Amino acid sequence: MDKLEYNCELLKATRESKKITAHSIAVDICLAERQIISIEENSLQYFPSKSLKYTSLKKYIAALGLKNEDVIFNFNEVDPTPSLLKKK
């Protein structure tokens, strides 16, 4: 999870090009506006954990009509599942 790298500029540019406000998309995907802005600024602020930010990021990507692979640089390498929840 420490390796999460994504194109935050693409998210903001896509949202703005679709004329969607941060508040509007936040309401649509059940997040706070400050969390949307935090994702667009590549900040962990307003998220209690990295895995929650990752989940919120994927919801945001889907809401914008983008693909995870196009936004998250190392999508196939990132595994946010806590080790205690993984099946052995």
C-alpha atoms as a PDB file:
ATOM      1  CA  MET A   1       0.000   0.000   0.000  1.00  0.00           C
ATOM      2  CA  ASP A   2       2.981   2.295   0.507  1.00  0.00           C
ATOM      3  CA  LYS A   3       3.583   2.178  -3.250  1.00  0.00           C
ATOM      4  CA  LEU A   4       0.242   3.744  -4.244  1.00  0.00           C
ATOM      5  CA  GLU A   5       0.982   6.159  -7.061  1.00  0.00           C
ATOM      6  CA  TYR A   6      -1.716   7.730  -9.179  1.00  0.00           C
ATOM      7  CA  ASN A   7      -2.324  10.596 -11.563  1.00  0.00           C
ATOM      8  CA  CYS A   8      -4.099  13.126  -9.355  1.00  0.00           C
ATOM      9  CA  GLU A   9      -3.907  15.780 -12.083  1.00  0.00           C
ATOM     10  CA  LEU A  10      -5.889  13.551 -14.458  1.00  0.00           C
ATOM     11  CA  LEU A  11      -8.651  13.164 -11.862  1.00  0.00           C
ATOM     12  CA  LYS A  12      -9.020  16.902 -11.320  1.00  0.00           C
ATOM     13  CA  ALA A  13      -8.760  17.715 -15.025  1.00  0.00           C
ATOM     14  CA  THR A  14     -11.386  15.096 -15.908  1.00  0.00           C
ATOM     15  CA  ARG A  15     -13.759  16.352 -13.209  1.00  0.00           C
ATOM     16  CA  GLU A  16     -13.358  19.953 -14.318  1.00  0.00           C
ATOM     17  CA  SER A  17     -13.718  19.122 -18.021  1.00  0.00           C
ATOM     18  CA  LYS A  18     -17.048  17.446 -17.222  1.00  0.00           C
ATOM     19  CA  LYS A  19     -18.050  20.574 -15.281  1.00  0.00           C
ATOM     20  CA  ILE A  20     -18.576  18.607 -12.072  1.00  0.00           C
ATOM     21  CA  THR A  21     -17.908  20.322  -8.765  1.00  0.00           C
ATOM     22  CA  ALA A  22     -15.934  18.591  -6.021  1.00  0.00           C
ATOM     23  CA  HIS A  23     -18.986  18.928  -3.783  1.00  0.00           C
ATOM     24  CA  SER A  24     -21.324  17.339  -6.322  1.00  0.00           C
ATOM     25  CA  ILE A  25     -19.195  14.260  -6.959  1.00  0.00           C
ATOM     26  CA  ALA A  26     -18.514  13.898  -3.244  1.00  0.00           C
ATOM     27  CA  VAL A  27     -22.250  13.708  -2.577  1.00  0.00           C
ATOM     28  CA  ASP A  28     -22.688  11.204  -5.413  1.00  0.00           C
ATOM     29  CA  ILE A  29     -20.092   8.775  -4.026  1.00  0.00           C
ATOM     30  CA  CYS A  30     -20.729   9.389  -0.313  1.00  0.00           C
ATOM     31  CA  LEU A  31     -17.510  11.220   0.514  1.00  0.00           C
ATOM     32  CA  ALA A  32     -16.790  14.636   1.941  1.00  0.00           C
ATOM     33  CA  GLU A  33     -15.735  17.401  -0.434  1.00  0.00           C
ATOM     34  CA  ARG A  34     -12.485  17.745   1.504  1.00  0.00           C
ATOM     35  CA  GLN A  35     -11.748  14.066   0.776  1.00  0.00           C
ATOM     36  CA  ILE A  36     -12.160  14.637  -2.965  1.00  0.00           C
ATOM     37  CA  ILE A  37      -9.774  17.572  -2.768  1.00  0.00           C
ATOM     38  CA  SER A  38      -7.374  15.471  -0.691  1.00  0.00           C
ATOM     39  CA  ILE A  39      -7.380  12.764  -3.393  1.00  0.00           C
ATOM     40  CA  GLU A  40      -6.764  15.385  -6.082  1.00  0.00           C
ATOM     41  CA  GLU A  41      -3.836  16.750  -4.070  1.00  0.00           C
ATOM     42  CA  ASN A  42      -2.440  13.247  -3.411  1.00  0.00           C
ATOM     43  CA  SER A  43      -2.746  13.736   0.330  1.00  0.00           C
ATOM     44  CA  LEU A  44      -3.688  11.252   3.043  1.00  0.00           C
ATOM     45  CA  GLN A  45      -5.339  14.051   5.022  1.00  0.00           C
ATOM     46  CA  TYR A  46      -9.003  13.334   5.925  1.00  0.00           C
ATOM     47  CA  PHE A  47      -8.568   9.572   5.522  1.00  0.00           C
ATOM     48  CA  PRO A  48      -8.086   7.443   8.644  1.00  0.00           C
ATOM     49  CA  SER A  49      -6.129   4.802   6.700  1.00  0.00           C
ATOM     50  CA  LYS A  50      -4.393   4.208   3.388  1.00  0.00           C
ATOM     51  CA  SER A  51      -6.765   1.385   2.524  1.00  0.00           C
ATOM     52  CA  LEU A  52      -9.781   3.681   2.976  1.00  0.00           C
ATOM     53  CA  LYS A  53      -8.160   6.245   0.692  1.00  0.00           C
ATOM     54  CA  TYR A  54      -7.497   3.514  -1.883  1.00  0.00           C
ATOM     55  CA  THR A  55     -11.138   2.408  -1.795  1.00  0.00           C
ATOM     56  CA  SER A  56     -12.327   6.013  -2.087  1.00  0.00           C
ATOM     57  CA  LEU A  57      -9.913   6.621  -4.959  1.00  0.00           C
ATOM     58  CA  LYS A  58     -11.342   3.671  -6.882  1.00  0.00           C
ATOM     59  CA  LYS A  59     -14.899   4.953  -6.304  1.00  0.00           C
ATOM     60  CA  TYR A  60     -13.836   8.389  -7.555  1.00  0.00           C
ATOM     61  CA  ILE A  61     -12.179   6.920 -10.645  1.00  0.00           C
ATOM     62  CA  ALA A  62     -15.313   4.935 -11.499  1.00  0.00           C
ATOM     63  CA  ALA A  63     -17.569   7.960 -10.948  1.00  0.00           C
ATOM     64  CA  LEU A  64     -15.513   9.922 -13.469  1.00  0.00           C
ATOM     65  CA  GLY A  65     -15.811   7.108 -16.008  1.00  0.00           C
ATOM     66  CA  LEU A  66     -12.100   6.318 -15.980  1.00  0.00           C
ATOM     67  CA  LYS A  67     -10.313   2.982 -15.642  1.00  0.00           C
ATOM     68  CA  ASN A  68      -8.242   2.131 -12.573  1.00  0.00           C
ATOM     69  CA  GLU A  69      -5.306   1.146 -14.785  1.00  0.00           C
ATOM     70  CA  ASP A  70      -5.323   4.562 -16.468  1.00  0.00           C
ATOM     71  CA  VAL A  71      -5.075   6.464 -13.184  1.00  0.00           C
ATOM     72  CA  ILE A  72      -3.227   4.192 -10.737  1.00  0.00           C
ATOM     73  CA  PHE A  73       0.280   3.720 -12.113  1.00  0.00           C
ATOM     74  CA  ASN A  74       1.044   0.490 -10.270  1.00  0.00           C
ATOM     75  CA  PHE A  75      -2.519  -0.841 -10.069  1.00  0.00           C
ATOM     76  CA  ASN A  76      -1.534  -4.499 -10.417  1.00  0.00           C
ATOM     77  CA  GLU A  77       1.084  -4.215  -7.656  1.00  0.00           C
ATOM     78  CA  VAL A  78      -1.052  -2.517  -5.010  1.00  0.00           C
ATOM     79  CA  ASP A  79      -2.846  -4.764  -2.536  1.00  0.00           C
ATOM     80  CA  PRO A  80      -4.671  -2.803   0.172  1.00  0.00           C
ATOM     81  CA  THR A  81      -6.052  -5.880   1.960  1.00  0.00           C
ATOM     82  CA  PRO A  82      -4.757  -5.954   5.545  1.00  0.00           C
ATOM     83  CA  SER A  83      -2.701  -9.100   6.146  1.00  0.00           C
ATOM     84  CA  LEU A  84      -5.133 -10.399   8.771  1.00  0.00           C
ATOM     85  CA  LEU A  85      -7.951 -10.470   6.198  1.00  0.00           C
ATOM     86  CA  LYS A  86      -6.036 -12.346   3.517  1.00  0.00           C
ATOM     87  CA  LYS A  87      -6.941 -15.992   2.934  1.00  0.00           C
ATOM     88  CA  LYS A  88      -4.126 -18.439   3.448  1.00  0.00           C
END
